[in-house]
Amino acid sequence: MQIIDNPNRNSWFDILKRPTQTVDDIEGIVNDVFNDVIKNGDTAINKYTTRFDGVALENNVVSLKEINSAIENIPVKLQNAIKLAKANIEKFHKAQLTNRVEVETVSGVSCWQEKRPIEKVGLYIPGGTAPLFSTVLMLAVPAQIAGCKEIILCSPPNKAGELAPEILFAAQLCGVTKIIKVGGIQAIAGLTFGTETISKVYKIFGPGNQYVTVAKQLATKYGVAIDMPAGPSELLVVADNGANAAYIASDLLSQAEHGEDSQVILVSTSKDLISSVSEEIETQINELPRQAIAEKAIANSKLIYIENDKSALDLINEYGPEHFIICTKNEDFYINGITNAGSIFIGDYTPESAGDYASGTNHTLPTNGFSKAYSGVNLDSFLKNMTFQKISKEGLLNIGEAIELMAEAEGLQAHKNAVSIRLKDLK
């Protein structure tokens, strides 16, 4: 990891760059796949599955037999762990349910807001080197609580043409209505346009690599909403001289092993701690099965010394991390001052892994600085706020003249007439 000593503010922009390609580098490829899927449907989908995943599928829809077989192959202890995580995620997201909001703005004018589920949602679950069955829980649980009618899950198959048994187990546990063996750009295209086997959805959820991220962003051009731009994983830890270097190194490596394009950063007011963490990383990384992946991510990562908490907080808010761990004696300063982060983890015994799996919060979060404007996935992500109003005769008499005057001032005579014709009957 690169060690940076008290960088000047003017250099922060360059220092905090993510190791990702630009949209321009990828957009052409995504458009080619999209156009192919529009024209050729499942034929195009299957072609790209063969090309990118190395397997030719006779049927890309997961059968009930496959699901039942998967359940039999999962150890009971792991099944119970998944059920525990589901229960905690369910508890946290059910707590986000809100009642109807209703108010009488003036006498006779009643306005209210109600939430209704998004009927058709697509869940993208990364596969490849790490099939993220935990993401199934994070997306399908709130979708089920919200009441979404169609929950379509897409995930890339392995070389045997199968999905991880844990993905299938979690999907049936959480009420997923259809599971498709398809990944990458072609999965997003299928959910965007619909094919013979993949339903067109109204909103797409889920993290992915840079190609999936760009594909989701381009899907919005075709009228499909997305949760957020969620690309390669990232973590920033802030720590002082009282922090545990071994804990911090383990947290940094936990994100580095996600993928070669992941990025992890330590910001510290202690040079001694930075040195200790650097040594711990060198030791711990050698014990990882995914060492090669972690090493490439670590090469994109940084250890940054900042001389005081105020400057450290400014730098962190400028970065806007997906995950933010606070390991300082003055933790309240960072808790109260952080404005740009996806999810915050506080103290020595709150590893980021807890949020990834079983504490209850959602791990689908904005990356690449999008935490400055986007929230992580939550129950409201699967709901729409709809407003209603009912106006009585008295109510229209109370606000009618104001409407007439405003409509006339904007030059919209028909708007004015829609009120005037009613007021005439009431007077």
Protein backbone atom coordinates (compact mmCIF):
# COMPACT_ATOMS: atom_id res chain seq x y z
CA MET A 1 0.00 0.00 0.00
CA GLN A 2 1.16 3.50 -0.77
CA ILE A 3 1.92 5.61 2.32
CA ILE A 4 1.06 9.29 1.93
CA ASP A 5 2.33 11.79 4.49
CA ASN A 6 0.06 14.73 5.33
CA PRO A 7 -0.99 15.60 1.75
CA ASN A 8 -1.83 19.15 0.76
CA ARG A 9 -5.57 19.72 0.20
CA ASN A 10 -4.90 20.64 -3.41
CA SER A 11 -3.69 17.07 -4.01
CA TRP A 12 -6.67 15.31 -2.41
CA PHE A 13 -8.61 14.94 -5.68
CA ASP A 14 -5.79 12.98 -7.32
CA ILE A 15 -4.97 10.97 -4.21
CA LEU A 16 -8.57 9.85 -3.75
CA LYS A 17 -9.19 8.69 -7.31
CA ARG A 18 -10.76 5.24 -7.61
CA PRO A 19 -9.03 2.55 -9.70
CA THR A 20 -11.97 2.28 -12.11
CA GLN A 21 -12.41 2.76 -15.81
CA THR A 22 -14.54 5.62 -17.05
CA VAL A 23 -18.02 5.15 -18.47
CA ASP A 24 -16.65 6.06 -21.90
CA ASP A 25 -14.33 3.02 -21.81
CA ILE A 26 -17.22 0.63 -21.25
CA GLU A 27 -20.30 2.28 -22.74
CA GLY A 28 -19.67 1.08 -26.30
CA ILE A 29 -19.51 -2.56 -25.19
CA VAL A 30 -22.69 -2.20 -23.13
CA ASN A 31 -24.59 -0.61 -26.01
CA ASP A 32 -23.57 -3.45 -28.36
CA VAL A 33 -24.89 -6.06 -25.93
CA PHE A 34 -28.08 -4.07 -25.30
CA ASN A 35 -28.81 -3.75 -29.02
CA ASP A 36 -28.20 -7.46 -29.55
CA VAL A 37 -30.59 -8.41 -26.73
CA ILE A 38 -33.25 -6.01 -28.05
CA LYS A 39 -33.11 -7.73 -31.44
CA ASN A 40 -32.43 -11.34 -30.52
CA GLY A 41 -33.67 -11.88 -26.95
CA ASP A 42 -32.63 -15.16 -25.34
CA THR A 43 -30.50 -16.11 -28.34
CA ALA A 44 -28.26 -13.14 -27.59
CA ILE A 45 -28.37 -13.82 -23.85
CA ASN A 46 -27.20 -17.40 -24.36
CA LYS A 47 -24.47 -16.31 -26.76
CA TYR A 48 -22.95 -13.97 -24.18
CA THR A 49 -23.31 -16.55 -21.40
CA THR A 50 -21.27 -18.95 -23.53
CA ARG A 51 -18.71 -16.27 -24.36
CA PHE A 52 -18.23 -14.73 -20.91
CA ASP A 53 -19.14 -17.56 -18.53
CA GLY A 54 -17.84 -20.44 -20.61
CA VAL A 55 -21.00 -22.54 -20.54
CA ALA A 56 -23.80 -23.30 -23.02
CA LEU A 57 -27.18 -23.62 -21.31
CA GLU A 58 -30.19 -25.47 -22.66
CA ASN A 59 -32.41 -23.61 -20.19
CA ASN A 60 -31.40 -20.58 -18.17
CA VAL A 61 -34.35 -20.75 -15.75
CA VAL A 62 -33.62 -22.50 -12.45
CA SER A 63 -36.04 -25.36 -11.78
CA LEU A 64 -37.66 -26.37 -8.50
CA LYS A 65 -35.66 -29.61 -8.69
CA GLU A 66 -32.40 -27.62 -8.75
CA ILE A 67 -33.52 -25.57 -5.76
CA ASN A 68 -34.46 -28.65 -3.73
CA SER A 69 -31.19 -30.35 -4.61
CA ALA A 70 -29.26 -27.24 -3.53
CA ILE A 71 -30.96 -27.20 -0.14
CA GLU A 72 -29.95 -30.82 0.48
CA ASN A 73 -26.31 -29.96 -0.18
CA ILE A 74 -26.03 -27.08 2.31
CA PRO A 75 -24.80 -27.97 5.81
CA VAL A 76 -27.41 -27.40 8.50
CA LYS A 77 -25.11 -25.04 10.39
CA LEU A 78 -24.78 -22.81 7.33
CA GLN A 79 -28.54 -22.94 6.75
CA ASN A 80 -29.06 -21.78 10.33
CA ALA A 81 -26.49 -18.99 9.88
CA ILE A 82 -28.34 -17.77 6.78
CA LYS A 83 -31.64 -17.92 8.65
CA LEU A 84 -30.16 -15.91 11.53
CA ALA A 85 -28.89 -13.25 9.12
CA LYS A 86 -32.29 -13.16 7.38
CA ALA A 87 -34.08 -12.67 10.70
CA ASN A 88 -31.87 -9.71 11.64
CA ILE A 89 -32.14 -8.12 8.19
CA GLU A 90 -35.90 -8.62 8.32
CA LYS A 91 -36.15 -7.05 11.77
CA PHE A 92 -34.16 -3.96 10.76
CA HIS A 93 -36.07 -3.43 7.51
CA LYS A 94 -39.52 -4.05 9.01
CA ALA A 95 -38.71 -1.28 11.49
CA GLN A 96 -38.56 1.08 8.50
CA LEU A 97 -42.27 0.63 7.74
CA THR A 98 -44.18 3.92 8.15
CA ASN A 99 -47.85 4.75 8.45
CA ARG A 100 -49.87 6.90 6.08
CA VAL A 101 -49.10 10.60 6.46
CA GLU A 102 -52.25 12.75 6.36
CA VAL A 103 -52.87 16.45 6.93
CA GLU A 104 -55.64 18.98 6.33
CA THR A 105 -53.69 21.88 4.83
CA VAL A 106 -56.67 24.24 5.15
CA SER A 107 -60.25 23.50 6.10
CA GLY A 108 -61.74 21.23 3.45
CA VAL A 109 -58.43 20.32 1.76
CA SER A 110 -57.20 16.86 2.80
CA CYS A 111 -53.81 15.63 1.53
CA TRP A 112 -52.13 12.31 2.30
CA GLN A 113 -49.22 10.13 1.28
CA GLU A 114 -49.19 6.35 1.02
CA LYS A 115 -46.48 3.89 -0.01
CA ARG A 116 -47.10 1.24 -2.64
CA PRO A 117 -44.68 -1.50 -3.73
CA ILE A 118 -42.82 -1.48 -7.03
CA GLU A 119 -44.54 -4.39 -8.77
CA LYS A 120 -41.61 -5.87 -10.74
CA VAL A 121 -38.02 -5.76 -9.51
CA GLY A 122 -34.83 -7.37 -10.76
CA LEU A 123 -32.09 -8.44 -8.37
CA TYR A 124 -28.56 -8.83 -9.71
CA ILE A 125 -26.40 -11.15 -7.63
CA PRO A 126 -22.68 -11.26 -8.50
CA GLY A 127 -21.18 -14.72 -8.97
CA GLY A 128 -17.81 -15.54 -10.44
CA THR A 129 -15.00 -15.85 -7.91
CA ALA A 130 -17.31 -15.09 -4.96
CA PRO A 131 -21.01 -15.94 -5.32
CA LEU A 132 -22.59 -13.41 -2.99
CA PHE A 133 -25.57 -15.24 -1.54
CA SER A 134 -25.60 -12.65 1.26
CA THR A 135 -26.71 -10.09 -1.33
CA VAL A 136 -29.78 -12.22 -2.01
CA LEU A 137 -30.83 -11.60 1.60
CA MET A 138 -30.07 -7.89 1.40
CA LEU A 139 -32.26 -7.40 -1.66
CA ALA A 140 -34.97 -10.05 -1.50
CA VAL A 141 -35.87 -9.52 2.17
CA PRO A 142 -36.88 -5.84 1.78
CA ALA A 143 -38.52 -6.62 -1.58
CA GLN A 144 -40.66 -9.24 0.13
CA ILE A 145 -41.50 -6.93 3.06
CA ALA A 146 -42.46 -4.17 0.59
CA GLY A 147 -44.84 -6.51 -1.21
CA CYS A 148 -43.24 -6.59 -4.68
CA LYS A 149 -45.26 -9.02 -6.85
CA GLU A 150 -42.44 -10.18 -9.13
CA ILE A 151 -38.91 -10.59 -7.77
CA ILE A 152 -36.62 -11.76 -10.58
CA LEU A 153 -33.10 -12.83 -9.63
CA CYS A 154 -30.23 -13.01 -12.12
CA SER A 155 -26.80 -14.44 -11.34
CA PRO A 156 -24.02 -15.82 -13.58
CA PRO A 157 -23.64 -19.61 -13.76
CA ASN A 158 -20.41 -21.47 -13.10
CA LYS A 159 -18.67 -23.62 -15.70
CA ALA A 160 -21.04 -26.47 -14.87
CA GLY A 161 -24.03 -24.27 -15.67
CA GLU A 162 -25.10 -24.03 -12.05
CA LEU A 163 -25.62 -21.36 -9.42
CA ALA A 164 -24.14 -21.67 -5.95
CA PRO A 165 -26.48 -23.76 -3.76
CA GLU A 166 -26.40 -20.99 -1.15
CA ILE A 167 -27.81 -18.50 -3.66
CA LEU A 168 -30.68 -20.84 -4.46
CA PHE A 169 -31.35 -21.57 -0.78
CA ALA A 170 -31.40 -17.87 0.14
CA ALA A 171 -33.61 -17.05 -2.87
CA GLN A 172 -36.32 -19.57 -1.97
CA LEU A 173 -36.08 -18.55 1.69
CA CYS A 174 -36.82 -14.92 0.80
CA GLY A 175 -39.64 -15.30 -1.69
CA VAL A 176 -37.84 -14.80 -5.02
CA THR A 177 -40.36 -15.63 -7.75
CA LYS A 178 -37.96 -16.56 -10.59
CA ILE A 179 -34.25 -17.33 -10.78
CA ILE A 180 -32.30 -16.91 -14.03
CA LYS A 181 -28.80 -18.20 -14.72
CA VAL A 182 -27.41 -15.14 -16.45
CA GLY A 183 -24.87 -12.52 -15.43
CA GLY A 184 -22.99 -9.46 -16.58
CA ILE A 185 -24.23 -6.89 -19.07
CA GLN A 186 -26.57 -9.43 -20.66
CA ALA A 187 -28.44 -9.91 -17.37
CA ILE A 188 -29.06 -6.17 -17.04
CA ALA A 189 -30.13 -6.07 -20.69
CA GLY A 190 -32.59 -8.92 -20.13
CA LEU A 191 -34.13 -7.21 -17.12
CA THR A 192 -34.29 -3.91 -19.02
CA PHE A 193 -35.95 -5.11 -22.21
CA GLY A 194 -37.40 -8.50 -21.33
CA THR A 195 -36.82 -11.73 -23.28
CA GLU A 196 -38.62 -15.03 -23.73
CA THR A 197 -37.53 -16.15 -20.25
CA ILE A 198 -36.56 -12.94 -18.43
CA SER A 199 -39.30 -10.57 -17.33
CA LYS A 200 -38.89 -6.86 -18.01
CA VAL A 201 -38.77 -5.11 -14.63
CA TYR A 202 -39.38 -1.59 -13.37
CA LYS A 203 -36.28 -1.30 -11.18
CA ILE A 204 -32.93 -3.12 -11.02
CA PHE A 205 -31.00 -3.68 -7.80
CA GLY A 206 -27.63 -5.09 -6.92
CA PRO A 207 -23.89 -4.54 -7.04
CA GLY A 208 -21.53 -5.72 -9.74
CA ASN A 209 -18.32 -5.05 -11.58
CA GLN A 210 -17.70 -1.93 -13.64
CA TYR A 211 -19.51 -3.38 -16.67
CA VAL A 212 -22.63 -4.16 -14.64
CA THR A 213 -22.50 -0.70 -13.06
CA VAL A 214 -22.39 1.05 -16.43
CA ALA A 215 -25.09 -1.27 -17.81
CA LYS A 216 -27.38 -0.32 -14.93
CA GLN A 217 -26.74 3.37 -15.54
CA LEU A 218 -27.54 3.00 -19.25
CA ALA A 219 -30.69 1.02 -18.41
CA THR A 220 -32.14 4.24 -17.04
CA LYS A 221 -32.15 5.61 -20.61
CA TYR A 222 -34.78 3.00 -21.40
CA GLY A 223 -37.14 3.86 -18.56
CA VAL A 224 -35.88 1.37 -15.98
CA ALA A 225 -34.96 2.70 -12.55
CA ILE A 226 -31.93 1.49 -10.58
CA ASP A 227 -31.08 1.45 -6.90
CA MET A 228 -27.81 3.37 -7.28
CA PRO A 229 -24.47 3.17 -9.08
CA ALA A 230 -22.95 0.32 -7.03
CA GLY A 231 -19.60 -0.81 -8.39
CA PRO A 232 -16.37 -2.23 -6.99
CA SER A 233 -16.25 -2.41 -3.20
CA GLU A 234 -14.37 0.13 -1.08
CA LEU A 235 -13.59 0.77 2.57
CA LEU A 236 -12.09 3.68 4.49
CA VAL A 237 -10.93 3.30 8.09
CA VAL A 238 -10.09 6.24 10.35
CA ALA A 239 -7.96 5.35 13.36
CA ASP A 240 -5.71 6.93 15.99
CA ASN A 241 -2.83 5.67 18.09
CA GLY A 242 -5.16 3.72 20.39
CA ALA A 243 -6.52 1.50 17.63
CA ASN A 244 -5.73 -2.19 17.15
CA ALA A 245 -3.50 -2.55 14.08
CA ALA A 246 -4.36 -6.23 13.58
CA TYR A 247 -8.10 -5.50 13.56
CA ILE A 248 -7.67 -2.67 11.07
CA ALA A 249 -5.51 -4.76 8.74
CA SER A 250 -8.12 -7.53 8.80
CA ASP A 251 -10.87 -5.04 7.89
CA LEU A 252 -8.86 -3.59 5.03
CA LEU A 253 -8.11 -7.04 3.66
CA SER A 254 -11.75 -8.11 4.01
CA GLN A 255 -12.66 -5.58 1.34
CA ALA A 256 -9.50 -6.00 -0.72
CA GLU A 257 -10.35 -9.67 -1.32
CA HIS A 258 -13.64 -8.72 -3.02
CA GLY A 259 -11.94 -7.95 -6.31
CA GLU A 260 -8.86 -6.60 -8.02
CA ASP A 261 -10.57 -3.24 -8.58
CA SER A 262 -11.58 -2.83 -4.92
CA GLN A 263 -9.97 -0.01 -2.94
CA VAL A 264 -9.20 0.32 0.77
CA ILE A 265 -7.84 3.35 2.60
CA LEU A 266 -6.58 3.99 6.12
CA VAL A 267 -6.63 7.58 7.34
CA SER A 268 -4.77 8.05 10.62
CA THR A 269 -3.40 10.75 12.87
CA SER A 270 -0.66 8.33 13.99
CA LYS A 271 2.38 7.44 11.89
CA ASP A 272 3.20 4.60 14.28
CA LEU A 273 -0.21 3.03 13.68
CA ILE A 274 0.21 3.32 9.91
CA SER A 275 3.51 1.48 10.18
CA SER A 276 1.98 -1.24 12.35
CA VAL A 277 -1.00 -1.71 10.02
CA SER A 278 1.30 -1.95 7.01
CA GLU A 279 3.24 -4.75 8.73
CA GLU A 280 0.04 -6.54 9.73
CA ILE A 281 -1.24 -6.45 6.16
CA GLU A 282 1.95 -8.08 4.90
CA THR A 283 1.54 -10.84 7.47
CA GLN A 284 -2.19 -11.47 7.15
CA ILE A 285 -2.37 -11.33 3.37
CA ASN A 286 -0.16 -14.40 3.09
CA GLU A 287 -2.79 -16.47 4.87
CA LEU A 288 -5.63 -15.62 2.47
CA PRO A 289 -6.91 -18.10 -0.14
CA ARG A 290 -7.69 -15.05 -2.32
CA GLN A 291 -4.24 -13.57 -1.79
CA ALA A 292 -3.61 -12.80 -5.46
CA ILE A 293 -6.83 -10.79 -5.72
CA ALA A 294 -6.20 -8.98 -2.44
CA GLU A 295 -2.65 -8.07 -3.47
CA LYS A 296 -3.85 -6.34 -6.65
CA ALA A 297 -6.49 -4.40 -4.69
CA ILE A 298 -3.93 -3.44 -2.06
CA ALA A 299 -1.73 -2.04 -4.83
CA ASN A 300 -4.56 0.46 -5.54
CA SER A 301 -4.94 1.34 -1.88
CA LYS A 302 -3.43 3.92 0.47
CA LEU A 303 -2.32 4.61 4.02
CA ILE A 304 -2.73 8.34 4.61
CA TYR A 305 -1.30 10.27 7.55
CA ILE A 306 -3.27 13.40 8.46
CA GLU A 307 -2.08 15.61 11.33
CA ASN A 308 -5.46 16.32 12.98
CA ASP A 309 -9.05 15.05 13.22
CA LYS A 310 -10.62 18.03 11.48
CA SER A 311 -8.53 17.63 8.34
CA ALA A 312 -9.06 13.87 8.44
CA LEU A 313 -12.83 14.31 8.53
CA ASP A 314 -12.71 16.80 5.65
CA LEU A 315 -10.74 14.31 3.55
CA ILE A 316 -13.13 11.46 4.39
CA ASN A 317 -16.18 13.51 3.43
CA GLU A 318 -14.44 14.45 0.19
CA TYR A 319 -13.87 10.74 -0.57
CA GLY A 320 -17.40 9.62 0.39
CA PRO A 321 -16.61 5.97 1.18
CA GLU A 322 -18.99 3.08 0.67
CA HIS A 323 -17.99 1.63 4.06
CA PHE A 324 -16.55 3.79 6.84
CA ILE A 325 -15.03 2.34 10.04
CA ILE A 326 -14.31 4.59 13.02
CA CYS A 327 -11.63 3.38 15.46
CA THR A 328 -10.73 6.50 17.42
CA LYS A 329 -10.99 7.66 21.02
CA ASN A 330 -12.88 10.71 19.74
CA GLU A 331 -15.46 8.64 17.86
CA ASP A 332 -18.32 11.10 18.45
CA PHE A 333 -16.46 13.72 16.43
CA TYR A 334 -16.54 11.46 13.37
CA ILE A 335 -20.04 10.10 14.02
CA ASN A 336 -21.51 13.60 14.22
CA GLY A 337 -19.37 15.03 11.43
CA ILE A 338 -19.62 12.40 8.70
CA THR A 339 -21.94 13.52 5.88
CA ASN A 340 -20.80 11.32 2.99
CA ALA A 341 -20.68 7.57 3.60
CA GLY A 342 -22.80 4.57 2.71
CA SER A 343 -22.64 2.71 6.02
CA ILE A 344 -20.72 3.49 9.22
CA PHE A 345 -19.13 0.98 11.61
CA ILE A 346 -18.11 2.19 15.06
CA GLY A 347 -15.54 0.77 17.47
CA ASP A 348 -13.08 -2.12 17.70
CA TYR A 349 -15.76 -4.80 17.75
CA THR A 350 -17.80 -3.66 14.75
CA PRO A 351 -16.07 -5.17 11.72
CA GLU A 352 -17.42 -4.27 8.31
CA SER A 353 -18.07 -7.98 7.80
CA ALA A 354 -20.92 -7.74 10.31
CA GLY A 355 -22.79 -5.39 8.00
CA ASP A 356 -21.99 -7.61 5.02
CA TYR A 357 -23.75 -10.54 6.61
CA ALA A 358 -25.72 -10.57 9.78
CA SER A 359 -26.07 -7.39 11.86
CA GLY A 360 -29.22 -6.36 9.98
CA THR A 361 -28.23 -3.27 8.00
CA ASN A 362 -28.11 -3.46 4.21
CA HIS A 363 -24.80 -3.99 2.45
CA THR A 364 -25.88 -2.75 -1.00
CA LEU A 365 -24.33 0.70 -0.87
CA PRO A 366 -23.23 3.57 -3.14
CA THR A 367 -19.60 3.44 -4.28
CA ASN A 368 -17.27 5.68 -6.27
CA GLY A 369 -18.23 8.76 -4.24
CA PHE A 370 -21.97 8.42 -4.94
CA SER A 371 -22.61 8.37 -1.18
CA LYS A 372 -22.54 12.17 -1.49
CA ALA A 373 -26.00 11.96 -3.07
CA TYR A 374 -27.31 8.40 -2.79
CA SER A 375 -28.52 6.25 0.12
CA GLY A 376 -27.85 2.57 0.46
CA VAL A 377 -30.66 0.12 -0.27
CA ASN A 378 -33.43 0.22 2.32
CA LEU A 379 -37.12 -0.65 2.50
CA ASP A 380 -38.12 2.59 0.75
CA SER A 381 -35.99 1.54 -2.22
CA PHE A 382 -38.72 -0.99 -3.07
CA LEU A 383 -41.63 1.38 -2.48
CA LYS A 384 -43.12 4.41 -4.21
CA ASN A 385 -44.57 7.37 -2.35
CA MET A 386 -47.95 8.30 -3.84
CA THR A 387 -49.84 11.44 -2.85
CA PHE A 388 -53.62 11.77 -2.65
CA GLN A 389 -55.92 14.73 -2.11
CA LYS A 390 -59.62 15.30 -1.65
CA ILE A 391 -61.13 18.77 -1.66
CA SER A 392 -64.61 19.63 -0.42
CA LYS A 393 -66.74 22.55 -1.55
CA GLU A 394 -65.48 24.52 1.42
CA GLY A 395 -61.92 23.60 0.57
CA LEU A 396 -62.19 24.80 -3.03
CA LEU A 397 -63.70 28.08 -1.83
CA ASN A 398 -60.70 28.48 0.51
CA ILE A 399 -57.97 27.97 -2.11
CA GLY A 400 -59.78 28.57 -5.42
CA GLU A 401 -58.94 32.24 -5.83
CA ALA A 402 -55.25 31.60 -5.11
CA ILE A 403 -55.20 28.93 -7.82
CA GLU A 404 -56.89 31.26 -10.31
CA LEU A 405 -54.44 34.07 -9.65
CA MET A 406 -51.38 31.83 -9.93
CA ALA A 407 -52.61 30.12 -13.11
CA GLU A 408 -53.36 33.46 -14.74
CA ALA A 409 -49.92 34.77 -13.80
CA GLU A 410 -48.33 31.79 -15.51
CA GLY A 411 -50.46 32.30 -18.60
CA LEU A 412 -52.28 28.98 -18.24
CA GLN A 413 -55.90 29.95 -18.80
CA ALA A 414 -57.29 26.39 -18.92
CA HIS A 415 -55.83 25.77 -15.47
CA LYS A 416 -57.68 28.83 -14.21
CA ASN A 417 -60.89 27.82 -15.96
CA ALA A 418 -60.87 24.37 -14.31
CA VAL A 419 -61.28 26.17 -10.97
CA SER A 420 -63.43 29.08 -12.11
CA ILE A 421 -66.13 26.85 -13.59
CA ARG A 422 -66.49 25.09 -10.24
CA LEU A 423 -66.40 28.26 -8.16
CA LYS A 424 -69.16 29.71 -10.31
CA ASP A 425 -71.43 26.80 -9.29
CA LEU A 426 -70.54 27.23 -5.61
CA LYS A 427 -71.22 30.98 -5.33
